[in-house]
Amino acid sequence: MPVDPHLLPAFIATTMIAMVVPGPDMLFVLGCGMRGGPRAGLLATAGVATSEAIHVAVAAAGLAALFAAVPVAFTVVRVVGAAYLIHLGVQAIRKRKAIPGDTVPGTERAYLSGLLTNLLNPKMVTFTIAFLPQFVDPALGRVGLQFAILGAIMIVFEFLVDGAVGVLAGRIGGWLRRKRKARQRLEVATGGIFIGLGVRLALEH
């Protein structure tokens, strides 16, 4: 077996707990689902999952050592990611009255937004670097394959948990969007979530 069978159950249990506990990814998917419907929630989840695959590849290659060697790189990526989230939030609030009642906003860019938001979160890179190696056994060899298997398990849980949240939020948001006042409040609430995530990311050290 490529992965240590004694470490694998602990990894699965820890990953499940980490995915179920609400975090920035889940809140972002929730906001996309509420604003754009179930499809937008799933696309946002796919974007987040894609960025996680990139993070795993970075972890396997050891490129996150850049953050340790050049601390300013971490700060730059963090600030850019925070600014992007705040931009999404401001746009949602500004356009709350301009959206026709029969359209579903946010669907087209949900995947790209999910990809960029998580990709520009250096905390995810450092988390992956700190988390995955704990369950990799160099003595078994094929370290890259071990990273790939563990990363695939993380992505599956991402789809199961955040995907379900996105679909459920999309159905609730669809009901609210049929009511004009509720739809406008929904846009403001979604924008507030994105801005809050951006501020949180900007203030984290």
N, C-alpha and C. Protein backbone atom coordinates (compact mmCIF):
# COMPACT_ATOMS: atom_id res chain seq x y z
N MET A 1 0.85 -1.19 0.00
CA MET A 1 0.00 0.00 0.00
C MET A 1 0.89 1.25 0.00
N PRO A 2 0.64 2.20 -0.91
CA PRO A 2 1.52 3.38 -1.02
C PRO A 2 1.54 4.24 0.24
N VAL A 3 0.39 4.29 0.96
CA VAL A 3 0.28 5.13 2.16
C VAL A 3 0.29 4.24 3.39
N ASP A 4 0.91 4.74 4.46
CA ASP A 4 0.97 3.98 5.71
C ASP A 4 -0.45 3.66 6.20
N PRO A 5 -0.83 2.38 6.29
CA PRO A 5 -2.19 2.01 6.70
C PRO A 5 -2.51 2.40 8.14
N HIS A 6 -1.50 2.63 8.94
CA HIS A 6 -1.74 3.04 10.32
C HIS A 6 -2.00 4.55 10.40
N LEU A 7 -1.41 5.30 9.49
CA LEU A 7 -1.59 6.75 9.49
C LEU A 7 -2.85 7.18 8.73
N LEU A 8 -3.27 6.37 7.76
CA LEU A 8 -4.38 6.75 6.90
C LEU A 8 -5.68 6.99 7.66
N PRO A 9 -6.09 6.12 8.61
CA PRO A 9 -7.34 6.39 9.34
C PRO A 9 -7.28 7.71 10.12
N ALA A 10 -6.12 8.00 10.72
CA ALA A 10 -5.97 9.26 11.45
C ALA A 10 -6.08 10.45 10.50
N PHE A 11 -5.52 10.31 9.31
CA PHE A 11 -5.59 11.38 8.32
C PHE A 11 -7.04 11.62 7.90
N ILE A 12 -7.77 10.54 7.62
CA ILE A 12 -9.16 10.67 7.19
C ILE A 12 -10.00 11.33 8.28
N ALA A 13 -9.83 10.89 9.52
CA ALA A 13 -10.60 11.45 10.63
C ALA A 13 -10.29 12.94 10.81
N THR A 14 -9.00 13.29 10.77
CA THR A 14 -8.60 14.68 10.95
C THR A 14 -9.11 15.56 9.82
N THR A 15 -9.04 15.04 8.60
CA THR A 15 -9.51 15.80 7.44
C THR A 15 -11.01 16.03 7.52
N MET A 16 -11.76 15.02 7.93
CA MET A 16 -13.21 15.17 8.06
C MET A 16 -13.55 16.27 9.05
N ILE A 17 -12.87 16.28 10.18
CA ILE A 17 -13.13 17.30 11.20
C ILE A 17 -12.79 18.69 10.65
N ALA A 18 -11.63 18.78 9.99
CA ALA A 18 -11.19 20.07 9.45
C ALA A 18 -12.16 20.60 8.40
N MET A 19 -12.75 19.71 7.60
CA MET A 19 -13.67 20.13 6.54
C MET A 19 -15.03 20.53 7.09
N VAL A 20 -15.49 19.84 8.13
CA VAL A 20 -16.82 20.11 8.68
C VAL A 20 -16.85 21.43 9.46
N VAL A 21 -15.73 21.73 10.15
CA VAL A 21 -15.68 22.99 10.91
C VAL A 21 -15.70 24.16 9.92
N PRO A 22 -16.66 25.10 10.06
CA PRO A 22 -16.75 26.23 9.13
C PRO A 22 -15.47 27.05 9.09
N GLY A 23 -15.00 27.31 7.89
CA GLY A 23 -13.80 28.10 7.70
C GLY A 23 -13.99 29.02 6.51
N PRO A 24 -12.94 29.74 6.08
CA PRO A 24 -13.05 30.67 4.96
C PRO A 24 -13.58 30.02 3.68
N ASP A 25 -13.12 28.80 3.37
CA ASP A 25 -13.59 28.13 2.15
C ASP A 25 -15.09 27.90 2.20
N MET A 26 -15.57 27.36 3.31
CA MET A 26 -16.99 27.06 3.43
C MET A 26 -17.83 28.34 3.36
N LEU A 27 -17.37 29.39 4.02
CA LEU A 27 -18.11 30.65 4.00
C LEU A 27 -18.14 31.24 2.59
N PHE A 28 -17.03 31.10 1.87
CA PHE A 28 -17.00 31.62 0.50
C PHE A 28 -17.98 30.85 -0.38
N VAL A 29 -17.97 29.52 -0.28
CA VAL A 29 -18.90 28.70 -1.06
C VAL A 29 -20.34 29.00 -0.67
N LEU A 30 -20.56 29.19 0.62
CA LEU A 30 -21.90 29.56 1.10
C LEU A 30 -22.36 30.84 0.45
N GLY A 31 -21.49 31.86 0.42
CA GLY A 31 -21.85 33.14 -0.18
C GLY A 31 -22.13 33.00 -1.67
N CYS A 32 -21.31 32.24 -2.39
CA CYS A 32 -21.53 32.04 -3.82
C CYS A 32 -22.84 31.31 -4.08
N GLY A 33 -23.13 30.29 -3.27
CA GLY A 33 -24.37 29.55 -3.44
C GLY A 33 -25.58 30.42 -3.18
N MET A 34 -25.54 31.20 -2.11
CA MET A 34 -26.66 32.08 -1.78
C MET A 34 -26.90 33.10 -2.89
N ARG A 35 -25.82 33.59 -3.47
CA ARG A 35 -25.94 34.65 -4.46
C ARG A 35 -26.24 34.12 -5.86
N GLY A 36 -25.64 32.98 -6.21
CA GLY A 36 -25.75 32.52 -7.59
C GLY A 36 -26.51 31.22 -7.81
N GLY A 37 -26.97 30.57 -6.74
CA GLY A 37 -27.71 29.33 -6.90
C GLY A 37 -26.84 28.09 -6.72
N PRO A 38 -27.45 26.90 -6.76
CA PRO A 38 -26.71 25.64 -6.54
C PRO A 38 -25.54 25.45 -7.50
N ARG A 39 -25.72 25.82 -8.77
CA ARG A 39 -24.63 25.63 -9.74
C ARG A 39 -23.44 26.50 -9.37
N ALA A 40 -23.69 27.74 -8.94
CA ALA A 40 -22.60 28.61 -8.53
C ALA A 40 -21.89 28.05 -7.30
N GLY A 41 -22.67 27.46 -6.38
CA GLY A 41 -22.07 26.85 -5.20
C GLY A 41 -21.14 25.71 -5.55
N LEU A 42 -21.57 24.88 -6.52
CA LEU A 42 -20.74 23.75 -6.95
C LEU A 42 -19.51 24.24 -7.72
N LEU A 43 -19.68 25.26 -8.55
CA LEU A 43 -18.54 25.79 -9.30
C LEU A 43 -17.52 26.41 -8.35
N ALA A 44 -18.00 27.12 -7.33
CA ALA A 44 -17.08 27.70 -6.34
C ALA A 44 -16.33 26.59 -5.62
N THR A 45 -17.03 25.51 -5.29
CA THR A 45 -16.38 24.36 -4.64
C THR A 45 -15.32 23.76 -5.55
N ALA A 46 -15.64 23.65 -6.85
CA ALA A 46 -14.67 23.11 -7.81
C ALA A 46 -13.44 24.00 -7.90
N GLY A 47 -13.65 25.32 -7.85
CA GLY A 47 -12.52 26.25 -7.88
C GLY A 47 -11.64 26.10 -6.66
N VAL A 48 -12.27 25.99 -5.49
CA VAL A 48 -11.52 25.80 -4.24
C VAL A 48 -10.75 24.48 -4.29
N ALA A 49 -11.41 23.42 -4.78
CA ALA A 49 -10.76 22.11 -4.85
C ALA A 49 -9.58 22.13 -5.81
N THR A 50 -9.72 22.85 -6.92
CA THR A 50 -8.60 22.96 -7.87
C THR A 50 -7.40 23.63 -7.22
N SER A 51 -7.67 24.70 -6.48
CA SER A 51 -6.57 25.40 -5.81
C SER A 51 -5.92 24.51 -4.75
N GLU A 52 -6.73 23.65 -4.10
CA GLU A 52 -6.16 22.73 -3.13
C GLU A 52 -5.23 21.73 -3.81
N ALA A 53 -5.60 21.30 -5.01
CA ALA A 53 -4.72 20.39 -5.76
C ALA A 53 -3.39 21.07 -6.06
N ILE A 54 -3.45 22.36 -6.39
CA ILE A 54 -2.22 23.12 -6.65
C ILE A 54 -1.40 23.25 -5.37
N HIS A 55 -2.09 23.49 -4.25
CA HIS A 55 -1.39 23.60 -2.97
C HIS A 55 -0.67 22.29 -2.62
N VAL A 56 -1.33 21.17 -2.89
CA VAL A 56 -0.72 19.87 -2.61
C VAL A 56 0.52 19.68 -3.47
N ALA A 57 0.41 20.07 -4.75
CA ALA A 57 1.56 19.96 -5.64
C ALA A 57 2.72 20.83 -5.15
N VAL A 58 2.37 22.04 -4.66
CA VAL A 58 3.39 22.94 -4.12
C VAL A 58 4.04 22.31 -2.89
N ALA A 59 3.21 21.71 -2.03
CA ALA A 59 3.74 21.07 -0.83
C ALA A 59 4.68 19.93 -1.19
N ALA A 60 4.26 19.12 -2.18
CA ALA A 60 5.09 17.99 -2.58
C ALA A 60 6.42 18.44 -3.16
N ALA A 61 6.40 19.60 -3.85
CA ALA A 61 7.62 20.11 -4.47
C ALA A 61 8.48 20.89 -3.49
N GLY A 62 7.92 21.21 -2.33
CA GLY A 62 8.67 21.96 -1.33
C GLY A 62 8.82 23.44 -1.66
N LEU A 63 7.98 23.95 -2.57
CA LEU A 63 8.12 25.35 -2.97
C LEU A 63 7.66 26.33 -1.90
N ALA A 64 6.91 25.86 -0.91
CA ALA A 64 6.46 26.78 0.14
C ALA A 64 7.62 27.27 0.98
N ALA A 65 8.80 26.68 0.80
CA ALA A 65 9.98 27.17 1.51
C ALA A 65 10.28 28.61 1.12
N LEU A 66 9.70 29.05 -0.01
CA LEU A 66 9.87 30.44 -0.44
C LEU A 66 9.37 31.40 0.62
N PHE A 67 8.25 31.04 1.27
CA PHE A 67 7.69 31.93 2.29
C PHE A 67 8.63 32.06 3.48
N ALA A 68 9.34 30.98 3.78
CA ALA A 68 10.28 31.02 4.90
C ALA A 68 11.52 31.82 4.52
N ALA A 69 11.96 31.67 3.27
CA ALA A 69 13.17 32.36 2.82
C ALA A 69 12.92 33.84 2.55
N VAL A 70 11.73 34.15 2.01
CA VAL A 70 11.39 35.54 1.68
C VAL A 70 10.05 35.87 2.34
N PRO A 71 10.06 36.29 3.59
CA PRO A 71 8.81 36.56 4.32
C PRO A 71 7.89 37.55 3.62
N VAL A 72 8.47 38.52 2.88
CA VAL A 72 7.63 39.52 2.23
C VAL A 72 6.73 38.89 1.18
N ALA A 73 7.13 37.75 0.60
CA ALA A 73 6.30 37.07 -0.39
C ALA A 73 4.98 36.63 0.23
N PHE A 74 5.05 36.14 1.47
CA PHE A 74 3.85 35.73 2.18
C PHE A 74 2.91 36.92 2.35
N THR A 75 3.46 38.05 2.76
CA THR A 75 2.65 39.25 3.00
C THR A 75 2.01 39.75 1.71
N VAL A 76 2.77 39.75 0.62
CA VAL A 76 2.23 40.22 -0.66
C VAL A 76 1.06 39.37 -1.12
N VAL A 77 1.22 38.05 -1.06
CA VAL A 77 0.15 37.15 -1.49
C VAL A 77 -1.08 37.32 -0.60
N ARG A 78 -0.85 37.47 0.70
CA ARG A 78 -1.96 37.64 1.65
C ARG A 78 -2.74 38.92 1.36
N VAL A 79 -2.04 40.01 1.11
CA VAL A 79 -2.70 41.29 0.85
C VAL A 79 -3.46 41.26 -0.46
N VAL A 80 -2.88 40.66 -1.50
CA VAL A 80 -3.57 40.55 -2.79
C VAL A 80 -4.85 39.73 -2.65
N GLY A 81 -4.76 38.61 -1.94
CA GLY A 81 -5.94 37.77 -1.74
C GLY A 81 -7.02 38.50 -0.96
N ALA A 82 -6.63 39.24 0.07
CA ALA A 82 -7.60 39.99 0.88
C ALA A 82 -8.27 41.07 0.02
N ALA A 83 -7.47 41.76 -0.79
CA ALA A 83 -8.02 42.82 -1.64
C ALA A 83 -9.02 42.25 -2.64
N TYR A 84 -8.74 41.06 -3.17
CA TYR A 84 -9.65 40.45 -4.14
C TYR A 84 -10.99 40.10 -3.49
N LEU A 85 -10.95 39.56 -2.27
CA LEU A 85 -12.18 39.23 -1.56
C LEU A 85 -13.00 40.48 -1.26
N ILE A 86 -12.34 41.52 -0.81
CA ILE A 86 -13.04 42.77 -0.51
C ILE A 86 -13.67 43.35 -1.78
N HIS A 87 -12.95 43.25 -2.89
CA HIS A 87 -13.48 43.71 -4.17
C HIS A 87 -14.76 42.96 -4.53
N LEU A 88 -14.75 41.64 -4.36
CA LEU A 88 -15.96 40.85 -4.65
C LEU A 88 -17.12 41.30 -3.78
N GLY A 89 -16.84 41.55 -2.50
CA GLY A 89 -17.89 41.98 -1.58
C GLY A 89 -18.47 43.33 -1.95
N VAL A 90 -17.62 44.28 -2.28
CA VAL A 90 -18.08 45.62 -2.67
C VAL A 90 -18.91 45.56 -3.94
N GLN A 91 -18.48 44.74 -4.91
CA GLN A 91 -19.22 44.60 -6.15
C GLN A 91 -20.61 44.02 -5.91
N ALA A 92 -20.70 43.04 -5.01
CA ALA A 92 -22.00 42.43 -4.72
C ALA A 92 -22.95 43.47 -4.12
N ILE A 93 -22.46 44.29 -3.21
CA ILE A 93 -23.30 45.30 -2.57
C ILE A 93 -23.69 46.40 -3.56
N ARG A 94 -22.75 46.83 -4.38
CA ARG A 94 -23.03 47.92 -5.32
C ARG A 94 -24.07 47.52 -6.36
N LYS A 95 -24.07 46.25 -6.76
CA LYS A 95 -24.97 45.81 -7.84
C LYS A 95 -26.26 45.19 -7.34
N ARG A 96 -26.54 45.36 -6.06
CA ARG A 96 -27.71 44.68 -5.49
C ARG A 96 -29.03 45.11 -6.13
N LYS A 97 -29.14 46.37 -6.60
CA LYS A 97 -30.38 46.87 -7.18
C LYS A 97 -30.41 46.75 -8.69
N ALA A 98 -29.26 46.47 -9.28
CA ALA A 98 -29.17 46.44 -10.74
C ALA A 98 -29.44 45.06 -11.32
N ILE A 99 -29.58 44.05 -10.46
CA ILE A 99 -29.75 42.68 -10.94
C ILE A 99 -31.22 42.37 -11.20
N PRO A 100 -31.60 42.03 -12.42
CA PRO A 100 -32.99 41.66 -12.70
C PRO A 100 -33.42 40.48 -11.85
N GLY A 101 -34.69 40.44 -11.54
CA GLY A 101 -35.19 39.39 -10.67
C GLY A 101 -35.11 38.00 -11.26
N ASP A 102 -35.04 37.89 -12.61
CA ASP A 102 -35.05 36.56 -13.21
C ASP A 102 -33.66 36.07 -13.59
N THR A 103 -32.61 36.74 -13.11
CA THR A 103 -31.26 36.28 -13.43
C THR A 103 -30.60 35.68 -12.20
N VAL A 104 -29.62 34.86 -12.46
CA VAL A 104 -28.86 34.25 -11.36
C VAL A 104 -27.46 34.80 -11.41
N PRO A 105 -27.11 35.76 -10.51
CA PRO A 105 -25.81 36.40 -10.56
C PRO A 105 -24.70 35.51 -10.02
N GLY A 106 -23.51 35.77 -10.48
CA GLY A 106 -22.34 35.15 -9.87
C GLY A 106 -21.97 33.78 -10.41
N THR A 107 -22.82 33.18 -11.26
CA THR A 107 -22.56 31.81 -11.70
C THR A 107 -21.33 31.74 -12.61
N GLU A 108 -21.22 32.72 -13.54
CA GLU A 108 -20.17 32.65 -14.55
C GLU A 108 -18.78 32.67 -13.94
N ARG A 109 -18.59 33.46 -12.89
CA ARG A 109 -17.26 33.64 -12.33
C ARG A 109 -17.04 32.88 -11.03
N ALA A 110 -17.98 32.04 -10.66
CA ALA A 110 -17.88 31.35 -9.37
C ALA A 110 -16.65 30.46 -9.31
N TYR A 111 -16.38 29.71 -10.39
CA TYR A 111 -15.22 28.82 -10.39
C TYR A 111 -13.92 29.61 -10.27
N LEU A 112 -13.78 30.64 -11.10
CA LEU A 112 -12.55 31.43 -11.10
C LEU A 112 -12.37 32.14 -9.75
N SER A 113 -13.47 32.63 -9.19
CA SER A 113 -13.39 33.31 -7.90
C SER A 113 -12.95 32.34 -6.80
N GLY A 114 -13.53 31.13 -6.82
CA GLY A 114 -13.13 30.13 -5.82
C GLY A 114 -11.67 29.74 -5.97
N LEU A 115 -11.23 29.61 -7.23
CA LEU A 115 -9.84 29.25 -7.50
C LEU A 115 -8.89 30.33 -6.99
N LEU A 116 -9.16 31.58 -7.36
CA LEU A 116 -8.26 32.67 -6.99
C LEU A 116 -8.28 32.95 -5.50
N THR A 117 -9.48 32.90 -4.91
CA THR A 117 -9.59 33.21 -3.48
C THR A 117 -8.76 32.25 -2.65
N ASN A 118 -8.87 30.97 -2.93
CA ASN A 118 -8.13 29.98 -2.14
C ASN A 118 -6.66 29.94 -2.54
N LEU A 119 -6.40 30.18 -3.82
CA LEU A 119 -5.02 30.16 -4.31
C LEU A 119 -4.21 31.30 -3.70
N LEU A 120 -4.87 32.44 -3.49
CA LEU A 120 -4.21 33.62 -2.93
C LEU A 120 -4.25 33.66 -1.41
N ASN A 121 -4.58 32.53 -0.81
CA ASN A 121 -4.57 32.43 0.65
C ASN A 121 -3.33 31.65 1.08
N PRO A 122 -2.24 32.33 1.43
CA PRO A 122 -1.01 31.63 1.78
C PRO A 122 -1.15 30.75 3.01
N LYS A 123 -2.18 31.01 3.82
CA LYS A 123 -2.41 30.16 4.98
C LYS A 123 -2.70 28.72 4.54
N MET A 124 -3.37 28.58 3.39
CA MET A 124 -3.68 27.25 2.90
C MET A 124 -2.40 26.52 2.49
N VAL A 125 -1.45 27.25 1.89
CA VAL A 125 -0.19 26.64 1.51
C VAL A 125 0.57 26.17 2.75
N THR A 126 0.67 27.06 3.73
CA THR A 126 1.42 26.70 4.94
C THR A 126 0.69 25.59 5.72
N PHE A 127 -0.65 25.60 5.69
CA PHE A 127 -1.40 24.53 6.36
C PHE A 127 -1.10 23.20 5.68
N THR A 128 -1.11 23.20 4.35
CA THR A 128 -0.83 21.97 3.62
C THR A 128 0.58 21.47 3.90
N ILE A 129 1.53 22.41 3.94
CA ILE A 129 2.92 22.05 4.23
C ILE A 129 3.05 21.45 5.62
N ALA A 130 2.29 22.01 6.58
CA ALA A 130 2.40 21.53 7.97
C ALA A 130 1.59 20.26 8.19
N PHE A 131 0.48 20.10 7.45
CA PHE A 131 -0.47 19.01 7.72
C PHE A 131 -0.11 17.72 6.99
N LEU A 132 0.02 17.79 5.69
CA LEU A 132 0.21 16.57 4.90
C LEU A 132 1.46 15.77 5.27
N PRO A 133 2.61 16.42 5.47
CA PRO A 133 3.81 15.63 5.77
C PRO A 133 3.71 14.78 7.03
N GLN A 134 2.78 15.14 7.94
CA GLN A 134 2.63 14.35 9.16
C GLN A 134 2.14 12.93 8.86
N PHE A 135 1.55 12.75 7.67
CA PHE A 135 0.97 11.46 7.32
C PHE A 135 1.70 10.80 6.16
N VAL A 136 2.86 11.35 5.82
CA VAL A 136 3.70 10.77 4.76
C VAL A 136 4.87 10.04 5.42
N ASP A 137 5.09 8.80 5.01
CA ASP A 137 6.17 7.99 5.57
C ASP A 137 7.26 7.82 4.50
N PRO A 138 8.38 8.57 4.63
CA PRO A 138 9.45 8.47 3.63
C PRO A 138 10.00 7.06 3.48
N ALA A 139 9.89 6.26 4.55
CA ALA A 139 10.42 4.89 4.50
C ALA A 139 9.69 4.03 3.47
N LEU A 140 8.45 4.40 3.16
CA LEU A 140 7.68 3.64 2.17
C LEU A 140 8.07 4.00 0.74
N GLY A 141 8.82 5.11 0.58
CA GLY A 141 9.20 5.53 -0.76
C GLY A 141 8.04 6.20 -1.49
N ARG A 142 8.27 6.58 -2.74
CA ARG A 142 7.25 7.22 -3.59
C ARG A 142 6.51 8.32 -2.82
N VAL A 143 7.28 9.26 -2.28
CA VAL A 143 6.70 10.33 -1.48
C VAL A 143 5.70 11.15 -2.30
N GLY A 144 6.02 11.41 -3.55
CA GLY A 144 5.11 12.16 -4.40
C GLY A 144 3.77 11.48 -4.54
N LEU A 145 3.77 10.16 -4.68
CA LEU A 145 2.52 9.40 -4.79
C LEU A 145 1.74 9.49 -3.49
N GLN A 146 2.43 9.43 -2.36
CA GLN A 146 1.74 9.55 -1.07
C GLN A 146 1.05 10.91 -0.95
N PHE A 147 1.75 11.98 -1.34
CA PHE A 147 1.15 13.30 -1.32
C PHE A 147 -0.08 13.34 -2.23
N ALA A 148 0.03 12.72 -3.40
CA ALA A 148 -1.07 12.73 -4.36
C ALA A 148 -2.30 12.02 -3.80
N ILE A 149 -2.10 10.88 -3.14
CA ILE A 149 -3.23 10.13 -2.58
C ILE A 149 -3.89 10.91 -1.45
N LEU A 150 -3.09 11.44 -0.56
CA LEU A 150 -3.64 12.21 0.56
C LEU A 150 -4.34 13.47 0.04
N GLY A 151 -3.74 14.11 -0.95
CA GLY A 151 -4.37 15.30 -1.53
C GLY A 151 -5.70 14.97 -2.19
N ALA A 152 -5.77 13.83 -2.87
CA ALA A 152 -7.02 13.41 -3.51
C ALA A 152 -8.11 13.19 -2.46
N ILE A 153 -7.75 12.63 -1.32
CA ILE A 153 -8.72 12.41 -0.25
C ILE A 153 -9.24 13.75 0.26
N MET A 154 -8.35 14.72 0.42
CA MET A 154 -8.76 16.05 0.86
C MET A 154 -9.75 16.67 -0.12
N ILE A 155 -9.47 16.54 -1.41
CA ILE A 155 -10.33 17.13 -2.43
C ILE A 155 -11.70 16.47 -2.46
N VAL A 156 -11.74 15.15 -2.27
CA VAL A 156 -13.03 14.44 -2.21
C VAL A 156 -13.87 14.96 -1.07
N PHE A 157 -13.26 15.12 0.10
CA PHE A 157 -14.00 15.65 1.24
C PHE A 157 -14.44 17.10 0.99
N GLU A 158 -13.61 17.85 0.27
CA GLU A 158 -13.97 19.23 -0.08
C GLU A 158 -15.26 19.25 -0.87
N PHE A 159 -15.35 18.38 -1.88
CA PHE A 159 -16.56 18.33 -2.70
C PHE A 159 -17.77 17.86 -1.89
N LEU A 160 -17.58 16.85 -1.05
CA LEU A 160 -18.70 16.30 -0.29
C LEU A 160 -19.27 17.33 0.70
N VAL A 161 -18.38 18.01 1.41
CA VAL A 161 -18.83 18.92 2.46
C VAL A 161 -19.21 20.29 1.89
N ASP A 162 -18.25 20.98 1.27
CA ASP A 162 -18.53 22.32 0.77
C ASP A 162 -19.51 22.28 -0.40
N GLY A 163 -19.45 21.21 -1.21
CA GLY A 163 -20.42 21.08 -2.29
C GLY A 163 -21.84 21.01 -1.77
N ALA A 164 -22.05 20.24 -0.70
CA ALA A 164 -23.38 20.14 -0.10
C ALA A 164 -23.82 21.49 0.45
N VAL A 165 -22.89 22.21 1.08
CA VAL A 165 -23.20 23.54 1.61
C VAL A 165 -23.59 24.48 0.48
N GLY A 166 -22.83 24.43 -0.63
CA GLY A 166 -23.12 25.31 -1.76
C GLY A 166 -24.48 25.05 -2.38
N VAL A 167 -24.84 23.77 -2.54
CA VAL A 167 -26.13 23.42 -3.13
C VAL A 167 -27.28 23.85 -2.21
N LEU A 168 -27.16 23.56 -0.92
CA LEU A 168 -28.20 23.94 0.03
C LEU A 168 -28.36 25.46 0.09
N ALA A 169 -27.22 26.17 0.14
CA ALA A 169 -27.28 27.63 0.17
C ALA A 169 -27.91 28.17 -1.11
N GLY A 170 -27.61 27.50 -2.24
CA GLY A 170 -28.19 27.92 -3.51
C GLY A 170 -29.70 27.78 -3.54
N ARG A 171 -30.20 26.71 -2.96
CA ARG A 171 -31.66 26.51 -2.95
C ARG A 171 -32.34 27.54 -2.05
N ILE A 172 -31.73 27.81 -0.91
CA ILE A 172 -32.30 28.83 -0.02
C ILE A 172 -32.23 30.20 -0.68
N GLY A 173 -31.06 30.49 -1.31
CA GLY A 173 -30.90 31.77 -1.98
C GLY A 173 -31.86 31.93 -3.13
N GLY A 174 -32.15 30.84 -3.86
CA GLY A 174 -33.10 30.90 -4.97
C GLY A 174 -34.48 31.32 -4.50
N TRP A 175 -34.90 30.82 -3.34
CA TRP A 175 -36.20 31.20 -2.78
C TRP A 175 -36.20 32.67 -2.40
N LEU A 176 -35.09 33.12 -1.81
CA LEU A 176 -35.01 34.52 -1.40
C LEU A 176 -34.94 35.46 -2.59
N ARG A 177 -34.27 35.03 -3.68
CA ARG A 177 -34.13 35.90 -4.84
C ARG A 177 -35.45 36.19 -5.53
N ARG A 178 -36.46 35.37 -5.30
CA ARG A 178 -37.76 35.62 -5.90
C ARG A 178 -38.47 36.78 -5.23
N LYS A 179 -37.97 37.22 -4.11
CA LYS A 179 -38.54 38.36 -3.40
C LYS A 179 -37.55 39.51 -3.50
N ARG A 180 -37.97 40.63 -4.08
CA ARG A 180 -37.06 41.73 -4.40
C ARG A 180 -36.29 42.22 -3.18
N LYS A 181 -36.99 42.56 -2.11
CA LYS A 181 -36.33 43.09 -0.91
C LYS A 181 -35.38 42.05 -0.32
N ALA A 182 -35.85 40.81 -0.27
CA ALA A 182 -35.01 39.75 0.29
C ALA A 182 -33.77 39.56 -0.56
N ARG A 183 -33.93 39.70 -1.90
CA ARG A 183 -32.79 39.53 -2.79
C ARG A 183 -31.74 40.60 -2.54
N GLN A 184 -32.21 41.84 -2.35
CA GLN A 184 -31.26 42.93 -2.10
C GLN A 184 -30.53 42.73 -0.78
N ARG A 185 -31.26 42.26 0.24
CA ARG A 185 -30.62 41.98 1.52
C ARG A 185 -29.63 40.83 1.37
N LEU A 186 -29.98 39.86 0.52
CA LEU A 186 -29.09 38.72 0.27
C LEU A 186 -27.78 39.19 -0.35
N GLU A 187 -27.87 40.13 -1.31
CA GLU A 187 -26.66 40.67 -1.93
C GLU A 187 -25.78 41.37 -0.90
N VAL A 188 -26.41 42.15 -0.02
CA VAL A 188 -25.66 42.86 1.02
C VAL A 188 -25.01 41.87 1.98
N ALA A 189 -25.77 40.83 2.36
CA ALA A 189 -25.23 39.82 3.28
C ALA A 189 -24.05 39.09 2.64
N THR A 190 -24.20 38.72 1.36
CA THR A 190 -23.12 38.03 0.67
C THR A 190 -21.89 38.93 0.55
N GLY A 191 -22.12 40.19 0.18
CA GLY A 191 -21.01 41.13 0.11
C GLY A 191 -20.33 41.29 1.45
N GLY A 192 -21.13 41.30 2.52
CA GLY A 192 -20.56 41.41 3.86
C GLY A 192 -19.68 40.21 4.22
N ILE A 193 -20.11 39.01 3.79
CA ILE A 193 -19.31 37.80 4.04
C ILE A 193 -17.96 37.92 3.34
N PHE A 194 -17.98 38.33 2.06
CA PHE A 194 -16.74 38.43 1.30
C PHE A 194 -15.81 39.50 1.90
N ILE A 195 -16.38 40.64 2.26
CA ILE A 195 -15.56 41.71 2.85
C ILE A 195 -14.98 41.25 4.18
N GLY A 196 -15.82 40.59 4.99
CA GLY A 196 -15.34 40.09 6.28
C GLY A 196 -14.20 39.10 6.12
N LEU A 197 -14.32 38.20 5.12
CA LEU A 197 -13.24 37.24 4.87
C LEU A 197 -11.96 37.96 4.43
N GLY A 198 -12.14 38.99 3.59
CA GLY A 198 -10.97 39.75 3.14
C GLY A 198 -10.27 40.46 4.28
N VAL A 199 -11.05 41.09 5.15
CA VAL A 199 -10.47 41.79 6.30
C VAL A 199 -9.77 40.80 7.22
N ARG A 200 -10.40 39.65 7.44
CA ARG A 200 -9.80 38.63 8.30
C ARG A 200 -8.46 38.17 7.74
N LEU A 201 -8.43 37.93 6.44
CA LEU A 201 -7.20 37.48 5.80
C LEU A 201 -6.11 38.55 5.89
N ALA A 202 -6.52 39.82 5.71
CA ALA A 202 -5.55 40.91 5.74
C ALA A 202 -4.94 41.09 7.13
N LEU A 203 -5.74 40.80 8.18
CA LEU A 203 -5.28 41.03 9.54
C LEU A 203 -4.55 39.85 10.13
N GLU A 204 -4.64 38.67 9.47
CA GLU A 204 -3.97 37.49 10.00
C GLU A 204 -2.47 37.61 9.86
N HIS A 205 -1.73 37.03 10.81
CA HIS A 205 -0.26 37.05 10.76
C HIS A 205 0.26 35.62 10.87
